[in-house]
Amino acid sequence: MKRKMRVIVVCVVLCGLLAACGNKLDARGYLQAMLDLSYKGETGDYVEMELGSAEEAQALYERGIDSEMLFFKEKLSMSEELEEDFRSLFKELYGNAKYTVGEAKKQKDGSYVVEITYERMKVFEPALTAYNERIASLPEAWAALEEKPTQEQMLEDMTEILRDALQESVSQAQYEEPQTLSIRIELIENVYTPNSEDVIALEKALFDSDYSLEDTQG
């Protein structure tokens, strides 16, 4: 089974909770606040721009992490300890996203175009490569045990290997050369909203997010 990483930014932004009402907008500051909250859990700019309280901002950030964890909890055997490990990993991973928000250019229709300079983070491909190599030795290790492990124990062993491989990959992540893309902030019914296709494009650009978990079920 293959999937793409759930788009954390979209989970936060498309709820409409970060939309800014009115005819004037600090588009650059608005986009900076949205990205910093979504990826890094930074609430300061969000609160300063009066988009919501610190508590609301934190809840939105955690909701994004929840959406990422949902897939893993459904597909993997995960103890509470492992769940916390993965949650911390995703926070670290997304917190390491590299992007710079450029100046906003207002368009004739009232929308804005903001250029983003980013460096693509190579983390999932090396993690899954290491994972697939390491699980190959598990059957031999299980056969050497005095008592045959249960299916649940075997699945948890595999999940621990995935955790370790991902942690190593995050700590040693490489980045590609800087590139740019633009995000439109559109005025729709007097509400400024980041264009969803542009937001998804940024998420795909920031990470090597196509990966397979087909082997995690054994």
N, C-alpha and C. Protein backbone atom coordinates (compact mmCIF):
# COMPACT_ATOMS: atom_id res chain seq x y z
N MET A 1 0.83 -1.19 0.00
CA MET A 1 0.00 0.00 0.00
C MET A 1 0.87 1.24 0.00
N LYS A 2 0.56 2.16 -0.86
CA LYS A 2 1.33 3.40 -0.92
C LYS A 2 0.42 4.57 -0.61
N ARG A 3 1.00 5.57 -0.03
CA ARG A 3 0.24 6.78 0.29
C ARG A 3 1.21 7.95 0.31
N LYS A 4 0.67 9.14 0.40
CA LYS A 4 1.50 10.32 0.59
C LYS A 4 1.26 10.82 1.99
N MET A 5 2.26 11.47 2.55
CA MET A 5 2.10 12.02 3.88
C MET A 5 0.89 12.93 3.91
N ARG A 6 0.08 12.79 4.92
CA ARG A 6 -1.09 13.64 5.06
C ARG A 6 -0.63 15.09 5.14
N VAL A 7 -1.34 15.96 4.45
CA VAL A 7 -0.90 17.34 4.34
C VAL A 7 -1.30 18.13 5.58
N ILE A 8 -0.34 18.32 6.47
CA ILE A 8 -0.60 19.01 7.73
C ILE A 8 -1.09 20.43 7.50
N VAL A 9 -0.46 21.13 6.59
CA VAL A 9 -0.87 22.51 6.34
C VAL A 9 -2.33 22.56 5.91
N VAL A 10 -2.73 21.65 5.04
CA VAL A 10 -4.10 21.65 4.56
C VAL A 10 -5.06 21.36 5.70
N CYS A 11 -4.68 20.44 6.57
CA CYS A 11 -5.55 20.12 7.70
C CYS A 11 -5.83 21.36 8.54
N VAL A 12 -4.84 22.22 8.66
CA VAL A 12 -5.01 23.42 9.46
C VAL A 12 -5.70 24.53 8.67
N VAL A 13 -5.20 24.79 7.47
CA VAL A 13 -5.65 25.95 6.72
C VAL A 13 -7.06 25.79 6.17
N LEU A 14 -7.38 24.64 5.61
CA LEU A 14 -8.64 24.51 4.91
C LEU A 14 -9.85 24.45 5.84
N CYS A 15 -9.59 24.37 7.13
CA CYS A 15 -10.69 24.49 8.08
C CYS A 15 -11.26 25.90 8.07
N GLY A 16 -10.52 26.84 7.50
CA GLY A 16 -10.98 28.23 7.47
C GLY A 16 -10.67 28.99 8.73
N LEU A 17 -10.05 28.32 9.70
CA LEU A 17 -9.82 28.97 10.98
C LEU A 17 -8.69 29.98 10.94
N LEU A 18 -7.89 29.93 9.88
CA LEU A 18 -6.79 30.88 9.77
C LEU A 18 -7.10 31.99 8.77
N ALA A 19 -8.31 32.01 8.25
CA ALA A 19 -8.66 33.04 7.28
C ALA A 19 -8.74 34.40 7.97
N ALA A 20 -8.29 35.43 7.26
CA ALA A 20 -8.31 36.78 7.81
C ALA A 20 -9.36 37.62 7.10
N CYS A 21 -10.31 38.13 7.82
CA CYS A 21 -11.39 38.90 7.23
C CYS A 21 -10.98 40.36 7.07
N GLY A 22 -11.59 41.01 6.08
CA GLY A 22 -11.35 42.44 5.92
C GLY A 22 -10.77 42.76 4.57
N ASN A 23 -10.58 44.04 4.28
CA ASN A 23 -10.09 44.48 2.99
C ASN A 23 -8.58 44.69 2.97
N LYS A 24 -7.94 44.69 4.13
CA LYS A 24 -6.50 44.88 4.21
C LYS A 24 -5.87 43.64 4.83
N LEU A 25 -4.70 43.33 4.36
CA LEU A 25 -4.02 42.14 4.88
C LEU A 25 -2.52 42.29 4.76
N ASP A 26 -1.82 41.96 5.83
CA ASP A 26 -0.37 41.80 5.77
C ASP A 26 -0.14 40.39 5.27
N ALA A 27 -0.15 40.23 3.94
CA ALA A 27 -0.14 38.89 3.34
C ALA A 27 1.11 38.11 3.70
N ARG A 28 2.25 38.80 3.68
CA ARG A 28 3.49 38.11 4.02
C ARG A 28 3.46 37.64 5.48
N GLY A 29 3.06 38.53 6.38
CA GLY A 29 3.00 38.17 7.79
C GLY A 29 1.98 37.08 8.06
N TYR A 30 0.86 37.15 7.34
CA TYR A 30 -0.20 36.15 7.49
C TYR A 30 0.30 34.77 7.09
N LEU A 31 0.97 34.70 5.91
CA LEU A 31 1.46 33.41 5.45
C LEU A 31 2.58 32.89 6.35
N GLN A 32 3.43 33.78 6.82
CA GLN A 32 4.49 33.39 7.75
C GLN A 32 3.88 32.78 9.02
N ALA A 33 2.86 33.44 9.54
CA ALA A 33 2.20 32.95 10.76
C ALA A 33 1.59 31.58 10.53
N MET A 34 0.95 31.40 9.37
CA MET A 34 0.30 30.13 9.06
C MET A 34 1.32 29.01 8.94
N LEU A 35 2.41 29.25 8.22
CA LEU A 35 3.41 28.21 8.03
C LEU A 35 4.13 27.89 9.33
N ASP A 36 4.49 28.91 10.09
CA ASP A 36 5.21 28.68 11.34
C ASP A 36 4.35 27.92 12.35
N LEU A 37 3.06 28.17 12.35
CA LEU A 37 2.17 27.42 13.24
C LEU A 37 2.03 25.99 12.75
N SER A 38 1.78 25.82 11.45
CA SER A 38 1.52 24.49 10.91
C SER A 38 2.71 23.56 11.01
N TYR A 39 3.91 24.08 10.73
CA TYR A 39 5.09 23.22 10.71
C TYR A 39 5.89 23.23 12.00
N LYS A 40 6.00 24.37 12.63
CA LYS A 40 6.90 24.51 13.77
C LYS A 40 6.19 24.65 15.11
N GLY A 41 4.87 24.78 15.07
CA GLY A 41 4.12 24.92 16.31
C GLY A 41 4.34 26.26 16.99
N GLU A 42 4.79 27.26 16.23
CA GLU A 42 5.05 28.58 16.79
C GLU A 42 3.76 29.41 16.76
N THR A 43 3.34 29.88 17.90
CA THR A 43 2.03 30.54 18.01
C THR A 43 2.11 32.06 18.09
N GLY A 44 3.32 32.60 18.24
CA GLY A 44 3.46 34.04 18.51
C GLY A 44 2.86 34.94 17.45
N ASP A 45 3.21 34.71 16.18
CA ASP A 45 2.69 35.58 15.11
C ASP A 45 1.19 35.40 14.94
N TYR A 46 0.72 34.17 15.12
CA TYR A 46 -0.71 33.88 15.01
C TYR A 46 -1.49 34.73 16.01
N VAL A 47 -1.00 34.77 17.24
CA VAL A 47 -1.67 35.53 18.29
C VAL A 47 -1.51 37.03 18.04
N GLU A 48 -0.32 37.45 17.64
CA GLU A 48 -0.05 38.87 17.42
C GLU A 48 -0.93 39.45 16.31
N MET A 49 -1.23 38.64 15.29
CA MET A 49 -2.09 39.09 14.20
C MET A 49 -3.56 38.96 14.52
N GLU A 50 -3.84 38.56 15.77
CA GLU A 50 -5.21 38.43 16.27
C GLU A 50 -6.03 37.44 15.45
N LEU A 51 -5.37 36.36 15.04
CA LEU A 51 -6.06 35.29 14.35
C LEU A 51 -6.70 34.32 15.34
N GLY A 52 -6.30 34.41 16.58
CA GLY A 52 -6.85 33.55 17.63
C GLY A 52 -5.95 33.58 18.85
N SER A 53 -6.38 32.88 19.87
CA SER A 53 -5.60 32.84 21.11
C SER A 53 -4.47 31.82 21.01
N ALA A 54 -3.56 31.88 21.96
CA ALA A 54 -2.46 30.91 22.00
C ALA A 54 -3.00 29.50 22.18
N GLU A 55 -4.05 29.36 22.96
CA GLU A 55 -4.65 28.05 23.19
C GLU A 55 -5.26 27.50 21.90
N GLU A 56 -5.94 28.38 21.14
CA GLU A 56 -6.53 27.95 19.87
C GLU A 56 -5.45 27.57 18.87
N ALA A 57 -4.37 28.36 18.85
CA ALA A 57 -3.27 28.06 17.94
C ALA A 57 -2.65 26.71 18.26
N GLN A 58 -2.41 26.45 19.53
CA GLN A 58 -1.81 25.18 19.93
C GLN A 58 -2.71 24.02 19.57
N ALA A 59 -4.02 24.21 19.74
CA ALA A 59 -4.97 23.16 19.40
C ALA A 59 -4.94 22.85 17.91
N LEU A 60 -4.81 23.88 17.07
CA LEU A 60 -4.73 23.68 15.63
C LEU A 60 -3.46 22.91 15.26
N TYR A 61 -2.36 23.27 15.89
CA TYR A 61 -1.11 22.58 15.62
C TYR A 61 -1.21 21.10 15.99
N GLU A 62 -1.73 20.83 17.17
CA GLU A 62 -1.87 19.45 17.62
C GLU A 62 -2.82 18.67 16.73
N ARG A 63 -3.84 19.34 16.20
CA ARG A 63 -4.77 18.67 15.29
C ARG A 63 -4.05 18.22 14.03
N GLY A 64 -3.12 19.03 13.56
CA GLY A 64 -2.33 18.63 12.40
C GLY A 64 -1.50 17.39 12.68
N ILE A 65 -0.88 17.34 13.86
CA ILE A 65 -0.10 16.16 14.24
C ILE A 65 -1.02 14.96 14.41
N ASP A 66 -2.20 15.18 14.97
CA ASP A 66 -3.18 14.10 15.13
C ASP A 66 -3.51 13.46 13.79
N SER A 67 -3.66 14.30 12.76
CA SER A 67 -4.02 13.79 11.45
C SER A 67 -2.92 12.90 10.88
N GLU A 68 -1.67 13.22 11.19
CA GLU A 68 -0.55 12.40 10.75
C GLU A 68 -0.51 11.08 11.51
N MET A 69 -0.77 11.14 12.80
CA MET A 69 -0.71 9.96 13.64
C MET A 69 -1.82 8.97 13.31
N LEU A 70 -2.94 9.45 12.83
CA LEU A 70 -4.09 8.59 12.59
C LEU A 70 -3.75 7.43 11.67
N PHE A 71 -3.07 7.73 10.58
CA PHE A 71 -2.70 6.68 9.63
C PHE A 71 -1.82 5.63 10.29
N PHE A 72 -0.81 6.07 11.03
CA PHE A 72 0.13 5.14 11.64
C PHE A 72 -0.54 4.29 12.71
N LYS A 73 -1.43 4.88 13.48
CA LYS A 73 -2.10 4.12 14.54
C LYS A 73 -3.03 3.06 13.95
N GLU A 74 -3.56 3.34 12.76
CA GLU A 74 -4.45 2.37 12.12
C GLU A 74 -3.68 1.22 11.49
N LYS A 75 -2.46 1.49 11.04
CA LYS A 75 -1.73 0.50 10.26
C LYS A 75 -0.65 -0.24 11.04
N LEU A 76 -0.20 0.33 12.16
CA LEU A 76 0.91 -0.27 12.89
C LEU A 76 0.49 -0.71 14.29
N SER A 77 1.22 -1.68 14.82
CA SER A 77 1.04 -2.06 16.21
C SER A 77 1.86 -1.11 17.05
N MET A 78 1.17 -0.28 17.85
CA MET A 78 1.85 0.83 18.49
C MET A 78 1.42 0.95 19.95
N SER A 79 2.37 0.75 20.85
CA SER A 79 2.11 0.96 22.26
C SER A 79 2.01 2.44 22.54
N GLU A 80 1.60 2.82 23.73
CA GLU A 80 1.52 4.23 24.08
C GLU A 80 2.89 4.89 23.99
N GLU A 81 3.91 4.15 24.41
CA GLU A 81 5.27 4.69 24.35
C GLU A 81 5.69 4.94 22.91
N LEU A 82 5.42 3.99 22.03
CA LEU A 82 5.76 4.16 20.62
C LEU A 82 4.96 5.30 20.00
N GLU A 83 3.70 5.42 20.39
CA GLU A 83 2.87 6.50 19.87
C GLU A 83 3.47 7.85 20.22
N GLU A 84 3.94 7.99 21.45
CA GLU A 84 4.57 9.25 21.85
C GLU A 84 5.87 9.48 21.10
N ASP A 85 6.61 8.40 20.85
CA ASP A 85 7.85 8.52 20.10
C ASP A 85 7.58 9.06 18.69
N PHE A 86 6.59 8.47 18.03
CA PHE A 86 6.26 8.90 16.67
C PHE A 86 5.72 10.33 16.66
N ARG A 87 4.93 10.66 17.65
CA ARG A 87 4.39 12.02 17.72
C ARG A 87 5.53 13.04 17.84
N SER A 88 6.48 12.75 18.71
CA SER A 88 7.63 13.64 18.86
C SER A 88 8.46 13.71 17.59
N LEU A 89 8.57 12.57 16.91
CA LEU A 89 9.32 12.51 15.67
C LEU A 89 8.72 13.41 14.60
N PHE A 90 7.40 13.35 14.47
CA PHE A 90 6.75 14.17 13.45
C PHE A 90 6.87 15.65 13.77
N LYS A 91 6.81 15.99 15.03
CA LYS A 91 6.99 17.39 15.40
C LYS A 91 8.40 17.85 15.05
N GLU A 92 9.39 16.99 15.32
CA GLU A 92 10.77 17.34 14.99
C GLU A 92 10.95 17.43 13.49
N LEU A 93 10.39 16.47 12.77
CA LEU A 93 10.53 16.42 11.33
C LEU A 93 9.96 17.68 10.68
N TYR A 94 8.72 17.99 10.98
CA TYR A 94 8.08 19.16 10.35
C TYR A 94 8.70 20.46 10.86
N GLY A 95 9.20 20.44 12.07
CA GLY A 95 9.86 21.63 12.60
C GLY A 95 11.16 21.94 11.88
N ASN A 96 11.73 20.95 11.19
CA ASN A 96 12.97 21.14 10.45
C ASN A 96 12.74 21.58 9.01
N ALA A 97 11.49 21.83 8.64
CA ALA A 97 11.20 22.30 7.29
C ALA A 97 11.93 23.63 7.04
N LYS A 98 12.51 23.76 5.85
CA LYS A 98 13.24 24.98 5.51
C LYS A 98 12.49 25.77 4.44
N TYR A 99 12.04 26.95 4.83
CA TYR A 99 11.33 27.82 3.90
C TYR A 99 11.53 29.27 4.32
N THR A 100 11.50 30.16 3.36
CA THR A 100 11.59 31.59 3.61
C THR A 100 10.46 32.27 2.87
N VAL A 101 9.68 33.05 3.58
CA VAL A 101 8.54 33.74 2.99
C VAL A 101 9.01 35.09 2.44
N GLY A 102 8.82 35.28 1.13
CA GLY A 102 9.22 36.52 0.48
C GLY A 102 8.16 37.59 0.56
N GLU A 103 8.37 38.66 -0.17
CA GLU A 103 7.42 39.77 -0.17
C GLU A 103 6.14 39.38 -0.90
N ALA A 104 5.04 39.98 -0.46
CA ALA A 104 3.74 39.74 -1.08
C ALA A 104 3.46 40.80 -2.15
N LYS A 105 2.96 40.36 -3.28
CA LYS A 105 2.61 41.28 -4.36
C LYS A 105 1.10 41.27 -4.57
N LYS A 106 0.49 42.45 -4.39
CA LYS A 106 -0.95 42.54 -4.53
C LYS A 106 -1.35 42.52 -6.00
N GLN A 107 -2.40 41.78 -6.30
CA GLN A 107 -2.89 41.65 -7.66
C GLN A 107 -4.10 42.57 -7.91
N LYS A 108 -4.45 42.75 -9.18
CA LYS A 108 -5.55 43.64 -9.53
C LYS A 108 -6.88 43.18 -8.95
N ASP A 109 -7.04 41.88 -8.76
CA ASP A 109 -8.30 41.36 -8.23
C ASP A 109 -8.36 41.40 -6.70
N GLY A 110 -7.33 41.98 -6.06
CA GLY A 110 -7.33 42.08 -4.61
C GLY A 110 -6.60 40.94 -3.92
N SER A 111 -6.22 39.92 -4.66
CA SER A 111 -5.48 38.80 -4.08
C SER A 111 -4.01 39.17 -3.97
N TYR A 112 -3.24 38.28 -3.35
CA TYR A 112 -1.80 38.48 -3.20
C TYR A 112 -1.08 37.24 -3.70
N VAL A 113 0.12 37.44 -4.19
CA VAL A 113 1.00 36.33 -4.55
C VAL A 113 2.26 36.46 -3.70
N VAL A 114 2.58 35.40 -2.97
CA VAL A 114 3.74 35.40 -2.08
C VAL A 114 4.70 34.32 -2.54
N GLU A 115 5.94 34.72 -2.78
CA GLU A 115 6.95 33.76 -3.22
C GLU A 115 7.60 33.09 -2.01
N ILE A 116 7.73 31.77 -2.10
CA ILE A 116 8.36 30.98 -1.04
C ILE A 116 9.64 30.36 -1.57
N THR A 117 10.73 30.58 -0.87
CA THR A 117 11.98 29.88 -1.18
C THR A 117 12.11 28.72 -0.21
N TYR A 118 12.36 27.53 -0.73
CA TYR A 118 12.37 26.34 0.13
C TYR A 118 13.52 25.42 -0.25
N GLU A 119 13.86 24.53 0.66
CA GLU A 119 14.84 23.48 0.42
C GLU A 119 14.18 22.14 0.72
N ARG A 120 14.06 21.31 -0.26
CA ARG A 120 13.39 20.02 -0.11
C ARG A 120 14.17 19.12 0.84
N MET A 121 13.46 18.58 1.81
CA MET A 121 14.07 17.74 2.84
C MET A 121 13.96 16.26 2.43
N LYS A 122 15.10 15.58 2.36
CA LYS A 122 15.12 14.17 1.98
C LYS A 122 15.18 13.33 3.25
N VAL A 123 14.03 12.81 3.65
CA VAL A 123 13.96 12.10 4.93
C VAL A 123 13.22 10.78 4.84
N PHE A 124 12.14 10.70 4.06
CA PHE A 124 11.33 9.49 4.04
C PHE A 124 11.97 8.37 3.20
N GLU A 125 12.53 8.72 2.08
CA GLU A 125 13.16 7.69 1.24
C GLU A 125 14.30 6.99 1.96
N PRO A 126 15.24 7.72 2.58
CA PRO A 126 16.30 7.01 3.31
C PRO A 126 15.78 6.23 4.51
N ALA A 127 14.75 6.74 5.16
CA ALA A 127 14.19 6.03 6.31
C ALA A 127 13.58 4.70 5.88
N LEU A 128 12.83 4.72 4.79
CA LEU A 128 12.18 3.48 4.34
C LEU A 128 13.18 2.52 3.74
N THR A 129 14.25 3.04 3.14
CA THR A 129 15.30 2.16 2.63
C THR A 129 15.96 1.41 3.79
N ALA A 130 16.28 2.14 4.86
CA ALA A 130 16.89 1.51 6.03
C ALA A 130 15.92 0.52 6.68
N TYR A 131 14.66 0.90 6.76
CA TYR A 131 13.64 0.05 7.36
C TYR A 131 13.54 -1.29 6.61
N ASN A 132 13.42 -1.21 5.29
CA ASN A 132 13.26 -2.43 4.49
C ASN A 132 14.48 -3.33 4.60
N GLU A 133 15.67 -2.75 4.74
CA GLU A 133 16.87 -3.56 4.90
C GLU A 133 16.88 -4.27 6.26
N ARG A 134 16.45 -3.57 7.28
CA ARG A 134 16.56 -4.11 8.65
C ARG A 134 15.50 -5.16 8.96
N ILE A 135 14.32 -5.01 8.40
CA ILE A 135 13.29 -6.01 8.73
C ILE A 135 13.59 -7.35 8.08
N ALA A 136 14.48 -7.35 7.11
CA ALA A 136 14.83 -8.61 6.45
C ALA A 136 15.46 -9.61 7.40
N SER A 137 16.08 -9.11 8.46
CA SER A 137 16.75 -9.99 9.42
C SER A 137 15.84 -10.42 10.57
N LEU A 138 14.63 -9.88 10.63
CA LEU A 138 13.74 -10.20 11.75
C LEU A 138 13.32 -11.67 11.80
N PRO A 139 12.95 -12.31 10.70
CA PRO A 139 12.54 -13.72 10.79
C PRO A 139 13.60 -14.60 11.45
N GLU A 140 14.86 -14.35 11.13
CA GLU A 140 15.94 -15.13 11.75
C GLU A 140 16.03 -14.85 13.24
N ALA A 141 15.85 -13.58 13.62
CA ALA A 141 15.91 -13.23 15.04
C ALA A 141 14.75 -13.84 15.79
N TRP A 142 13.58 -13.84 15.21
CA TRP A 142 12.41 -14.42 15.86
C TRP A 142 12.57 -15.94 16.00
N ALA A 143 13.15 -16.58 14.99
CA ALA A 143 13.33 -18.04 15.01
C ALA A 143 14.31 -18.46 16.10
N ALA A 144 15.21 -17.56 16.47
CA ALA A 144 16.22 -17.88 17.49
C ALA A 144 15.68 -17.75 18.90
N LEU A 145 14.50 -17.18 19.06
CA LEU A 145 13.92 -17.02 20.39
C LEU A 145 13.41 -18.34 20.94
N GLU A 146 13.49 -18.49 22.24
CA GLU A 146 13.02 -19.74 22.87
C GLU A 146 11.50 -19.87 22.71
N GLU A 147 10.82 -18.76 22.82
CA GLU A 147 9.35 -18.78 22.68
C GLU A 147 8.95 -17.95 21.46
N LYS A 148 8.16 -18.54 20.60
CA LYS A 148 7.75 -17.86 19.38
C LYS A 148 6.96 -16.60 19.73
N PRO A 149 7.33 -15.45 19.19
CA PRO A 149 6.61 -14.21 19.50
C PRO A 149 5.22 -14.20 18.89
N THR A 150 4.34 -13.47 19.52
CA THR A 150 2.99 -13.33 18.99
C THR A 150 3.00 -12.40 17.77
N GLN A 151 1.90 -12.43 17.04
CA GLN A 151 1.78 -11.53 15.88
C GLN A 151 1.91 -10.07 16.33
N GLU A 152 1.31 -9.76 17.46
CA GLU A 152 1.37 -8.39 17.97
C GLU A 152 2.80 -8.00 18.31
N GLN A 153 3.54 -8.93 18.92
CA GLN A 153 4.94 -8.64 19.27
C GLN A 153 5.78 -8.43 18.02
N MET A 154 5.53 -9.22 16.99
CA MET A 154 6.29 -9.08 15.75
C MET A 154 6.00 -7.74 15.08
N LEU A 155 4.74 -7.37 15.07
CA LEU A 155 4.38 -6.09 14.48
C LEU A 155 5.00 -4.93 15.25
N GLU A 156 5.06 -5.07 16.58
CA GLU A 156 5.67 -4.00 17.38
C GLU A 156 7.17 -3.94 17.13
N ASP A 157 7.82 -5.09 16.94
CA ASP A 157 9.24 -5.09 16.59
C ASP A 157 9.47 -4.30 15.30
N MET A 158 8.60 -4.51 14.33
CA MET A 158 8.72 -3.83 13.04
C MET A 158 8.50 -2.33 13.20
N THR A 159 7.55 -1.99 14.07
CA THR A 159 7.26 -0.57 14.30
C THR A 159 8.44 0.11 14.97
N GLU A 160 9.10 -0.59 15.89
CA GLU A 160 10.28 -0.03 16.55
C GLU A 160 11.41 0.21 15.55
N ILE A 161 11.56 -0.68 14.60
CA ILE A 161 12.58 -0.50 13.56
C ILE A 161 12.25 0.71 12.69
N LEU A 162 10.98 0.87 12.36
CA LEU A 162 10.55 2.03 11.58
C LEU A 162 10.82 3.31 12.35
N ARG A 163 10.52 3.31 13.64
CA ARG A 163 10.78 4.48 14.47
C ARG A 163 12.26 4.84 14.46
N ASP A 164 13.11 3.84 14.67
CA ASP A 164 14.55 4.09 14.73
C ASP A 164 15.08 4.59 13.39
N ALA A 165 14.59 4.00 12.30
CA ALA A 165 15.05 4.41 10.98
C ALA A 165 14.62 5.85 10.68
N LEU A 166 13.41 6.18 11.08
CA LEU A 166 12.92 7.53 10.84
C LEU A 166 13.67 8.54 11.70
N GLN A 167 13.96 8.17 12.95
CA GLN A 167 14.70 9.06 13.84
C GLN A 167 16.09 9.34 13.28
N GLU A 168 16.76 8.30 12.82
CA GLU A 168 18.08 8.48 12.23
C GLU A 168 18.02 9.37 10.99
N SER A 169 17.00 9.15 10.17
CA SER A 169 16.87 9.93 8.95
C SER A 169 16.59 11.40 9.25
N VAL A 170 15.76 11.66 10.25
CA VAL A 170 15.45 13.03 10.63
C VAL A 170 16.71 13.73 11.15
N SER A 171 17.48 13.04 11.97
CA SER A 171 18.67 13.65 12.56
C SER A 171 19.78 13.88 11.54
N GLN A 172 19.73 13.13 10.43
CA GLN A 172 20.78 13.25 9.41
C GLN A 172 20.23 13.77 8.08
N ALA A 173 19.09 14.40 8.12
CA ALA A 173 18.39 14.78 6.89
C ALA A 173 19.24 15.68 6.00
N GLN A 174 19.17 15.41 4.72
CA GLN A 174 19.83 16.23 3.72
C GLN A 174 18.79 17.11 3.02
N TYR A 175 19.26 18.23 2.50
CA TYR A 175 18.36 19.16 1.81
C TYR A 175 18.86 19.41 0.39
N GLU A 176 17.93 19.57 -0.52
CA GLU A 176 18.29 19.89 -1.90
C GLU A 176 18.53 21.40 -2.04
N GLU A 177 18.99 21.80 -3.19
CA GLU A 177 19.27 23.20 -3.44
C GLU A 177 17.98 24.03 -3.37
N PRO A 178 18.09 25.30 -2.94
CA PRO A 178 16.88 26.15 -2.81
C PRO A 178 16.15 26.31 -4.14
N GLN A 179 14.83 26.28 -4.04
CA GLN A 179 13.96 26.53 -5.18
C GLN A 179 12.84 27.46 -4.72
N THR A 180 12.03 27.91 -5.64
CA THR A 180 10.94 28.82 -5.29
C THR A 180 9.62 28.36 -5.87
N LEU A 181 8.57 28.74 -5.21
CA LEU A 181 7.21 28.59 -5.73
C LEU A 181 6.37 29.71 -5.13
N SER A 182 5.19 29.89 -5.65
CA SER A 182 4.33 30.98 -5.19
C SER A 182 3.04 30.43 -4.59
N ILE A 183 2.56 31.12 -3.58
CA ILE A 183 1.26 30.81 -2.99
C ILE A 183 0.35 32.02 -3.15
N ARG A 184 -0.82 31.78 -3.69
CA ARG A 184 -1.80 32.84 -3.84
C ARG A 184 -2.67 32.92 -2.59
N ILE A 185 -2.90 34.12 -2.13
CA ILE A 185 -3.84 34.35 -1.04
C ILE A 185 -5.01 35.11 -1.64
N GLU A 186 -6.12 34.43 -1.76
CA GLU A 186 -7.26 34.93 -2.53
C GLU A 186 -8.31 35.56 -1.62
N LEU A 187 -8.97 36.57 -2.15
CA LEU A 187 -10.06 37.22 -1.43
C LEU A 187 -11.37 36.64 -1.93
N ILE A 188 -11.95 35.78 -1.10
CA ILE A 188 -13.19 35.09 -1.46
C ILE A 188 -14.28 35.47 -0.46
N GLU A 189 -15.29 36.16 -0.95
CA GLU A 189 -16.39 36.63 -0.10
C GLU A 189 -15.83 37.39 1.10
N ASN A 190 -14.89 38.28 0.79
CA ASN A 190 -14.28 39.16 1.79
C ASN A 190 -13.46 38.42 2.84
N VAL A 191 -13.04 37.22 2.50
CA VAL A 191 -12.20 36.43 3.40
C VAL A 191 -10.93 36.04 2.66
N TYR A 192 -9.77 36.38 3.20
CA TYR A 192 -8.50 36.00 2.60
C TYR A 192 -8.18 34.55 2.94
N THR A 193 -7.92 33.75 1.91
CA THR A 193 -7.68 32.33 2.09
C THR A 193 -6.56 31.86 1.17
N PRO A 194 -5.57 31.16 1.69
CA PRO A 194 -4.52 30.61 0.83
C PRO A 194 -5.12 29.63 -0.17
N ASN A 195 -4.68 29.69 -1.41
CA ASN A 195 -5.16 28.77 -2.44
C ASN A 195 -4.75 27.34 -2.07
N SER A 196 -5.72 26.44 -2.02
CA SER A 196 -5.48 25.09 -1.53
C SER A 196 -4.50 24.32 -2.41
N GLU A 197 -4.58 24.50 -3.74
CA GLU A 197 -3.66 23.79 -4.63
C GLU A 197 -2.22 24.26 -4.40
N ASP A 198 -2.05 25.56 -4.15
CA ASP A 198 -0.71 26.08 -3.90
C ASP A 198 -0.16 25.55 -2.58
N VAL A 199 -1.02 25.44 -1.57
CA VAL A 199 -0.60 24.94 -0.26
C VAL A 199 -0.17 23.47 -0.37
N ILE A 200 -0.93 22.69 -1.12
CA ILE A 200 -0.58 21.29 -1.32
C ILE A 200 0.73 21.17 -2.09
N ALA A 201 0.92 22.05 -3.07
CA ALA A 201 2.16 22.03 -3.84
C ALA A 201 3.37 22.32 -2.94
N LEU A 202 3.20 23.23 -1.99
CA LEU A 202 4.29 23.54 -1.07
C LEU A 202 4.61 22.34 -0.20
N GLU A 203 3.58 21.67 0.31
CA GLU A 203 3.81 20.49 1.15
C GLU A 203 4.59 19.43 0.39
N LYS A 204 4.21 19.20 -0.86
CA LYS A 204 4.89 18.20 -1.67
C LYS A 204 6.33 18.62 -1.97
N ALA A 205 6.54 19.92 -2.09
CA ALA A 205 7.87 20.44 -2.41
C ALA A 205 8.82 20.36 -1.21
N LEU A 206 8.29 20.52 -0.01
CA LEU A 206 9.13 20.59 1.18
C LEU A 206 9.73 19.25 1.58
N PHE A 207 9.04 18.14 1.26
CA PHE A 207 9.47 16.83 1.73
C PHE A 207 9.39 15.80 0.60
N ASP A 208 10.23 14.76 0.67
CA ASP A 208 10.13 13.62 -0.25
C ASP A 208 9.04 12.71 0.29
N SER A 209 7.81 13.16 0.11
CA SER A 209 6.69 12.60 0.90
C SER A 209 6.02 11.38 0.29
N ASP A 210 6.45 10.89 -0.85
CA ASP A 210 5.90 9.64 -1.37
C ASP A 210 6.68 8.48 -0.76
N TYR A 211 5.97 7.58 -0.12
CA TYR A 211 6.65 6.44 0.46
C TYR A 211 5.68 5.29 0.63
N SER A 212 6.21 4.12 0.86
CA SER A 212 5.41 2.92 0.97
C SER A 212 5.54 2.30 2.35
N LEU A 213 4.40 1.90 2.88
CA LEU A 213 4.40 1.15 4.15
C LEU A 213 3.88 -0.27 3.93
N GLU A 214 4.01 -0.76 2.71
CA GLU A 214 3.40 -2.04 2.39
C GLU A 214 4.01 -3.19 3.16
N ASP A 215 5.24 -3.01 3.63
CA ASP A 215 5.89 -4.10 4.36
C ASP A 215 5.66 -4.06 5.87
N THR A 216 5.04 -3.00 6.37
CA THR A 216 4.94 -2.88 7.81
C THR A 216 3.96 -3.88 8.41
N GLN A 217 3.11 -4.45 7.60
CA GLN A 217 2.17 -5.44 8.11
C GLN A 217 2.71 -6.85 8.08
N GLY A 218 3.94 -7.00 7.47
CA GLY A 218 4.53 -8.32 7.42
C GLY A 218 3.90 -9.19 6.37
